[in-house]
Amino acid sequence: MTTPSDILRWKTEPNVLEFYCPGCKTLHQIDLSVLPNYKRQPNAGWNNSFVSPSFTQNFQVFKDALVCAYSMRNGALTFGSESVHELAGQTTEMVPIPTV
């Protein structure tokens, strides 16, 4: 069974969530301070679940150019067709963050 800290990790400095992207095969971060209504209602746009996380917005990761576009709903990642990895256009369950 996957425990909450296995798929989603919260770092308070800076205020980000980290998860492992099975498409890019690396960690991605979500900066909670840029979510809608953050100043009035911290974590607005996130359901505050570490077990089955959902966000109301889509995300993009850039490294010189767009690398990964995704949405996170109910603990699953849906990758946009514009992503440059083999999971583009697919949905997959979140996987545990690898230990080093």
Protein backbone atom coordinates (compact mmCIF):
# COMPACT_ATOMS: atom_id res chain seq x y z
CA MET A 1 0.00 0.00 0.00
CA THR A 2 1.25 3.51 -0.84
CA THR A 3 1.52 5.84 2.12
CA PRO A 4 0.96 9.58 1.70
CA SER A 5 4.65 10.45 1.83
CA ASP A 6 5.42 7.82 -0.83
CA ILE A 7 3.84 9.76 -3.71
CA LEU A 8 3.77 13.40 -2.56
CA ARG A 9 6.26 15.23 -0.36
CA TRP A 10 5.78 18.68 1.16
CA LYS A 11 8.75 20.98 1.61
CA THR A 12 8.02 24.07 3.67
CA GLU A 13 11.05 26.11 2.52
CA PRO A 14 10.13 26.98 -0.16
CA ASN A 15 6.46 26.06 0.08
CA VAL A 16 6.41 23.33 -2.58
CA LEU A 17 5.08 19.84 -3.16
CA GLU A 18 7.32 17.29 -4.87
CA PHE A 19 6.35 14.15 -6.74
CA TYR A 20 8.06 11.75 -9.11
CA CYS A 21 7.13 12.09 -12.78
CA PRO A 22 7.26 8.67 -14.45
CA GLY A 23 7.38 10.32 -17.87
CA CYS A 24 10.38 12.59 -17.21
CA LYS A 25 11.84 10.13 -14.69
CA THR A 26 12.64 12.95 -12.28
CA LEU A 27 11.04 14.98 -9.49
CA HIS A 28 8.67 17.83 -10.33
CA GLN A 29 7.72 20.59 -7.90
CA ILE A 30 4.48 22.49 -7.52
CA ASP A 31 4.94 25.92 -5.95
CA LEU A 32 1.94 26.33 -3.66
CA SER A 33 2.44 30.10 -3.43
CA VAL A 34 1.38 30.57 -7.06
CA LEU A 35 -1.89 28.66 -6.85
CA PRO A 36 -5.06 30.76 -7.29
CA ASN A 37 -6.17 32.63 -4.15
CA TYR A 38 -3.06 31.55 -2.21
CA LYS A 39 -2.81 34.80 -0.23
CA ARG A 40 -6.45 34.68 0.87
CA GLN A 41 -6.80 30.92 1.17
CA PRO A 42 -3.53 28.94 1.32
CA ASN A 43 -3.49 25.80 -0.83
CA ALA A 44 -6.56 26.87 -2.81
CA GLY A 45 -6.63 24.74 -5.91
CA TRP A 46 -5.25 21.68 -4.08
CA ASN A 47 -7.50 19.23 -2.24
CA ASN A 48 -4.86 18.90 0.55
CA SER A 49 -4.67 15.14 0.05
CA PHE A 50 -1.35 13.31 0.10
CA VAL A 51 -3.09 10.02 -0.76
CA SER A 52 -5.16 11.05 -3.78
CA PRO A 53 -3.99 14.58 -4.66
CA SER A 54 -5.97 16.77 -7.05
CA PHE A 55 -5.34 20.25 -8.38
CA THR A 56 -7.81 22.50 -10.16
CA GLN A 57 -5.21 23.71 -12.66
CA ASN A 58 -2.85 22.18 -15.20
CA PHE A 59 0.93 22.49 -14.99
CA GLN A 60 3.86 22.80 -17.39
CA VAL A 61 7.54 22.06 -16.78
CA PHE A 62 10.14 23.87 -18.89
CA LYS A 63 13.84 23.12 -19.34
CA ASP A 64 14.79 25.52 -22.16
CA ALA A 65 11.55 24.39 -23.85
CA LEU A 66 8.35 22.66 -22.80
CA VAL A 67 9.17 19.20 -21.49
CA CYS A 68 6.10 18.06 -19.57
CA ALA A 69 2.48 19.20 -19.41
CA TYR A 70 0.22 17.48 -16.91
CA SER A 71 -2.83 17.60 -14.69
CA MET A 72 -3.14 15.80 -11.38
CA ARG A 73 -6.57 14.46 -10.43
CA ASN A 74 -7.42 11.87 -7.78
CA GLY A 75 -3.84 10.58 -7.56
CA ALA A 76 -3.42 10.17 -11.32
CA LEU A 77 -1.32 12.15 -13.78
CA THR A 78 -2.71 12.97 -17.20
CA PHE A 79 0.03 14.09 -19.56
CA GLY A 80 -0.68 16.51 -22.37
CA SER A 81 0.09 15.45 -25.92
CA GLU A 82 2.67 18.26 -26.06
CA SER A 83 4.84 16.48 -23.46
CA VAL A 84 8.09 15.19 -24.94
CA HIS A 85 8.20 11.77 -23.24
CA GLU A 86 6.66 8.35 -23.94
CA LEU A 87 3.67 9.01 -21.62
CA ALA A 88 2.43 11.99 -23.66
CA GLY A 89 -1.33 11.80 -24.12
CA GLN A 90 -1.72 9.10 -21.43
CA THR A 91 -3.00 8.88 -17.86
CA THR A 92 -1.13 6.95 -15.19
CA GLU A 93 -1.37 6.50 -11.44
CA MET A 94 1.19 8.40 -9.39
CA VAL A 95 4.14 6.27 -8.35
CA PRO A 96 6.22 6.36 -5.15
CA ILE A 97 9.12 8.79 -5.01
CA PRO A 98 12.29 6.72 -5.48
CA THR A 99 14.69 6.57 -2.56
CA VAL A 100 18.27 7.50 -3.22
